[in-house]
Amino acid sequence: MTSPTLFVFAILILLFTPGPTNTLLWTSGAMLGIRRSLPLLLGEIIGYFSAITLILLLFEPMLQQTPYVERILAVAVGGYVTYLAVTMWRRAADSVASAEIITFKKIVIVTFLNPKAFIFALTLIPIGHAHIHWYFVMLATCITAVGFSWIVFGYLVGSAAGRKNMTLFNRFSSVMLTGFAGFILFSALP
């Protein structure tokens, strides 16, 4: 996609779509607040850029020759997101333990495994474009802006819910992660 305007529009639509990374960001905003959640945005950028690089260098040629690899990757992603959902559910009543689930490392891993990275790498980023570096700058800017909005959204919802309702908030986030894991696992079926 070589039109910068269409590129940004497509990126924003994809990034605003709820998913595992966004669920963790909004939960962090609710549990830890905006300021303490900001480092997670760098983790999201690292996760996406690492995945995109690996997809372009390794998986794109492999996917063309062996399409079942995509299913194996989907099962791995779904399994990891399920693990996070179960962990969040079990720790829902303990706000401190729930907040410990959302770490920089886990954001990097969840984002690295996010299926959106495949869409970025294989569909939206104009590989071979003379000014491809600007597309990566636009992607990083969009990731930061949208991730920040998810953190703020979580903070606002968490503030409205109040500390006494954080168990319910965490359980809701866990159910959302379970739904995403189910969708990802379902997509791996033939």
Protein backbone atom coordinates (compact mmCIF):
# COMPACT_ATOMS: atom_id res chain seq x y z
CA MET A 1 0.00 0.00 0.00
CA THR A 2 1.92 3.04 -1.24
CA SER A 3 -0.58 5.81 -0.43
CA PRO A 4 0.51 7.25 2.94
CA THR A 5 -3.05 8.36 3.73
CA LEU A 6 -4.55 4.94 3.03
CA PHE A 7 -1.66 3.30 4.89
CA VAL A 8 -2.32 5.35 8.04
CA PHE A 9 -6.09 4.82 7.76
CA ALA A 10 -5.68 1.04 7.43
CA ILE A 11 -3.15 0.93 10.28
CA LEU A 12 -5.45 2.92 12.58
CA ILE A 13 -8.44 0.71 11.84
CA LEU A 14 -6.39 -2.41 12.52
CA LEU A 15 -4.79 -1.03 15.69
CA PHE A 16 -8.09 0.22 17.15
CA THR A 17 -9.58 -3.25 16.73
CA PRO A 18 -9.69 -4.86 20.16
CA GLY A 19 -7.20 -7.65 20.66
CA PRO A 20 -4.90 -9.20 23.26
CA THR A 21 -2.38 -6.34 23.30
CA ASN A 22 -5.10 -3.69 23.57
CA THR A 23 -6.81 -5.65 26.34
CA LEU A 24 -3.57 -5.74 28.34
CA LEU A 25 -2.98 -2.02 27.71
CA TRP A 26 -6.43 -0.99 28.88
CA THR A 27 -6.18 -3.29 31.91
CA SER A 28 -2.82 -1.73 32.76
CA GLY A 29 -4.34 1.75 32.44
CA ALA A 30 -7.07 0.74 34.90
CA MET A 31 -4.76 -1.08 37.33
CA LEU A 32 -1.56 0.96 37.22
CA GLY A 33 -2.63 4.33 35.82
CA ILE A 34 -1.45 6.19 32.75
CA ARG A 35 2.07 7.16 33.79
CA ARG A 36 3.11 3.67 34.95
CA SER A 37 1.63 2.12 31.79
CA LEU A 38 3.53 4.33 29.33
CA PRO A 39 6.64 2.07 29.08
CA LEU A 40 4.36 -0.65 27.70
CA LEU A 41 4.02 1.40 24.50
CA LEU A 42 7.70 0.82 23.74
CA GLY A 43 7.13 -2.88 24.37
CA GLU A 44 4.30 -2.84 21.84
CA ILE A 45 6.50 -1.17 19.21
CA ILE A 46 9.33 -3.65 19.86
CA GLY A 47 6.90 -6.57 19.62
CA TYR A 48 5.36 -5.45 16.33
CA PHE A 49 8.66 -4.44 14.69
CA SER A 50 10.36 -7.70 15.75
CA ALA A 51 7.45 -9.74 14.41
CA ILE A 52 7.29 -7.80 11.14
CA THR A 53 11.02 -8.24 10.59
CA LEU A 54 10.87 -11.97 11.32
CA ILE A 55 7.80 -12.42 9.12
CA LEU A 56 9.41 -10.64 6.18
CA LEU A 57 12.74 -12.42 6.51
CA LEU A 58 11.70 -15.90 7.53
CA PHE A 59 7.99 -16.62 7.46
CA GLU A 60 6.92 -15.05 4.17
CA PRO A 61 8.99 -17.48 2.06
CA MET A 62 8.06 -20.35 4.39
CA LEU A 63 4.33 -19.53 4.26
CA GLN A 64 4.40 -19.63 0.49
CA GLN A 65 5.91 -23.13 0.52
CA THR A 66 4.20 -24.58 3.62
CA PRO A 67 0.85 -22.97 4.44
CA TYR A 68 0.29 -25.16 7.52
CA VAL A 69 2.96 -23.12 9.39
CA GLU A 70 0.39 -20.33 9.72
CA ARG A 71 -1.91 -22.73 11.58
CA ILE A 72 0.88 -23.81 13.90
CA LEU A 73 1.64 -20.17 14.68
CA ALA A 74 -2.07 -19.47 15.33
CA VAL A 75 -2.22 -22.36 17.82
CA ALA A 76 0.88 -21.01 19.62
CA VAL A 77 -0.62 -17.52 19.80
CA GLY A 78 -3.99 -18.83 20.97
CA GLY A 79 -2.34 -20.97 23.63
CA TYR A 80 -0.31 -18.08 25.02
CA VAL A 81 -3.31 -15.73 25.11
CA THR A 82 -5.33 -18.47 26.86
CA TYR A 83 -2.55 -18.79 29.46
CA LEU A 84 -2.71 -15.02 30.09
CA ALA A 85 -6.52 -15.12 30.37
CA VAL A 86 -6.47 -17.96 32.91
CA THR A 87 -3.74 -16.24 34.93
CA MET A 88 -5.68 -12.98 34.95
CA TRP A 89 -8.89 -14.76 36.00
CA ARG A 90 -7.15 -16.53 38.89
CA ARG A 91 -5.59 -13.31 40.14
CA ALA A 92 -8.63 -11.10 39.50
CA ALA A 93 -9.42 -10.51 43.18
CA ASP A 94 -5.85 -9.45 43.98
CA SER A 95 -5.25 -6.10 42.27
CA VAL A 96 -1.51 -6.22 42.92
CA ALA A 97 -1.15 -9.73 41.49
CA SER A 98 -3.34 -8.82 38.52
CA ALA A 99 -1.19 -5.79 37.77
CA GLU A 100 1.93 -7.98 37.90
CA ILE A 101 0.58 -9.99 34.95
CA ILE A 102 0.98 -6.97 32.68
CA THR A 103 4.70 -6.50 32.28
CA PHE A 104 6.87 -4.99 29.57
CA LYS A 105 8.08 -8.47 28.61
CA LYS A 106 4.55 -9.87 28.32
CA ILE A 107 3.44 -6.93 26.16
CA VAL A 108 6.41 -7.60 23.84
CA ILE A 109 5.54 -11.32 23.65
CA VAL A 110 1.79 -10.84 23.14
CA THR A 111 2.39 -8.18 20.51
CA PHE A 112 5.08 -10.27 18.83
CA LEU A 113 2.55 -13.10 18.56
CA ASN A 114 -0.30 -10.78 17.50
CA PRO A 115 -1.82 -11.80 14.15
CA LYS A 116 -2.04 -8.11 13.21
CA ALA A 117 1.74 -8.22 12.59
CA PHE A 118 1.13 -10.59 9.68
CA ILE A 119 -1.29 -8.11 8.11
CA PHE A 120 1.19 -5.28 8.57
CA ALA A 121 4.07 -7.28 7.10
CA LEU A 122 2.35 -9.12 4.28
CA THR A 123 -0.30 -6.62 3.20
CA LEU A 124 0.17 -3.03 4.34
CA ILE A 125 3.90 -2.23 4.44
CA PRO A 126 5.10 -1.43 0.90
CA ILE A 127 8.20 -3.61 0.79
CA GLY A 128 10.70 -2.26 -1.72
CA HIS A 129 9.31 1.29 -1.62
CA ALA A 130 12.04 3.93 -1.90
CA HIS A 131 10.88 5.64 1.30
CA ILE A 132 9.90 2.59 3.32
CA HIS A 133 11.52 4.06 6.44
CA TRP A 134 8.76 6.70 6.55
CA TYR A 135 6.15 3.96 6.59
CA PHE A 136 7.83 2.47 9.64
CA VAL A 137 7.89 5.91 11.29
CA MET A 138 4.16 6.28 10.55
CA LEU A 139 3.52 2.78 11.91
CA ALA A 140 5.42 3.54 15.15
CA THR A 141 3.54 6.82 15.54
CA CYS A 142 0.17 5.11 15.04
CA ILE A 143 1.09 2.29 17.46
CA THR A 144 2.02 4.85 20.11
CA ALA A 145 -1.09 6.99 19.62
CA VAL A 146 -3.54 4.09 19.58
CA GLY A 147 -1.82 2.26 22.44
CA PHE A 148 -1.93 5.45 24.50
CA SER A 149 -5.64 5.82 23.80
CA TRP A 150 -6.26 2.24 25.02
CA ILE A 151 -4.33 3.02 28.22
CA VAL A 152 -6.34 6.21 28.78
CA PHE A 153 -9.59 4.36 28.02
CA GLY A 154 -8.68 1.72 30.61
CA TYR A 155 -7.77 4.38 33.14
CA LEU A 156 -11.13 6.13 32.64
CA VAL A 157 -13.13 2.90 32.87
CA GLY A 158 -11.10 1.77 35.89
CA SER A 159 -11.61 5.13 37.60
CA ALA A 160 -15.34 4.97 36.95
CA ALA A 161 -15.53 1.38 38.22
CA GLY A 162 -13.58 2.17 41.37
CA ARG A 163 -11.08 0.00 43.21
CA LYS A 164 -13.80 -2.14 44.79
CA ASN A 165 -14.93 -3.32 41.35
CA MET A 166 -11.46 -4.18 40.01
CA THR A 167 -12.14 -7.90 40.40
CA LEU A 168 -15.05 -7.57 37.98
CA PHE A 169 -12.93 -5.45 35.63
CA ASN A 170 -10.12 -8.04 35.67
CA ARG A 171 -12.55 -10.89 35.08
CA PHE A 172 -14.06 -9.00 32.15
CA SER A 173 -10.57 -8.49 30.69
CA SER A 174 -9.89 -12.21 31.20
CA VAL A 175 -13.08 -13.11 29.33
CA MET A 176 -12.07 -10.78 26.50
CA LEU A 177 -8.66 -12.45 26.26
CA THR A 178 -10.37 -15.85 26.24
CA GLY A 179 -12.58 -14.72 23.37
CA PHE A 180 -9.56 -13.54 21.39
CA ALA A 181 -7.75 -16.81 22.10
CA GLY A 182 -10.79 -18.76 20.93
CA PHE A 183 -11.03 -16.71 17.75
CA ILE A 184 -7.32 -17.23 17.03
CA LEU A 185 -7.54 -20.97 17.72
CA PHE A 186 -10.69 -21.25 15.58
CA SER A 187 -8.85 -19.56 12.72
CA ALA A 188 -6.27 -22.36 12.85
CA LEU A 189 -8.88 -24.98 11.94
CA PRO A 190 -8.81 -26.28 8.37
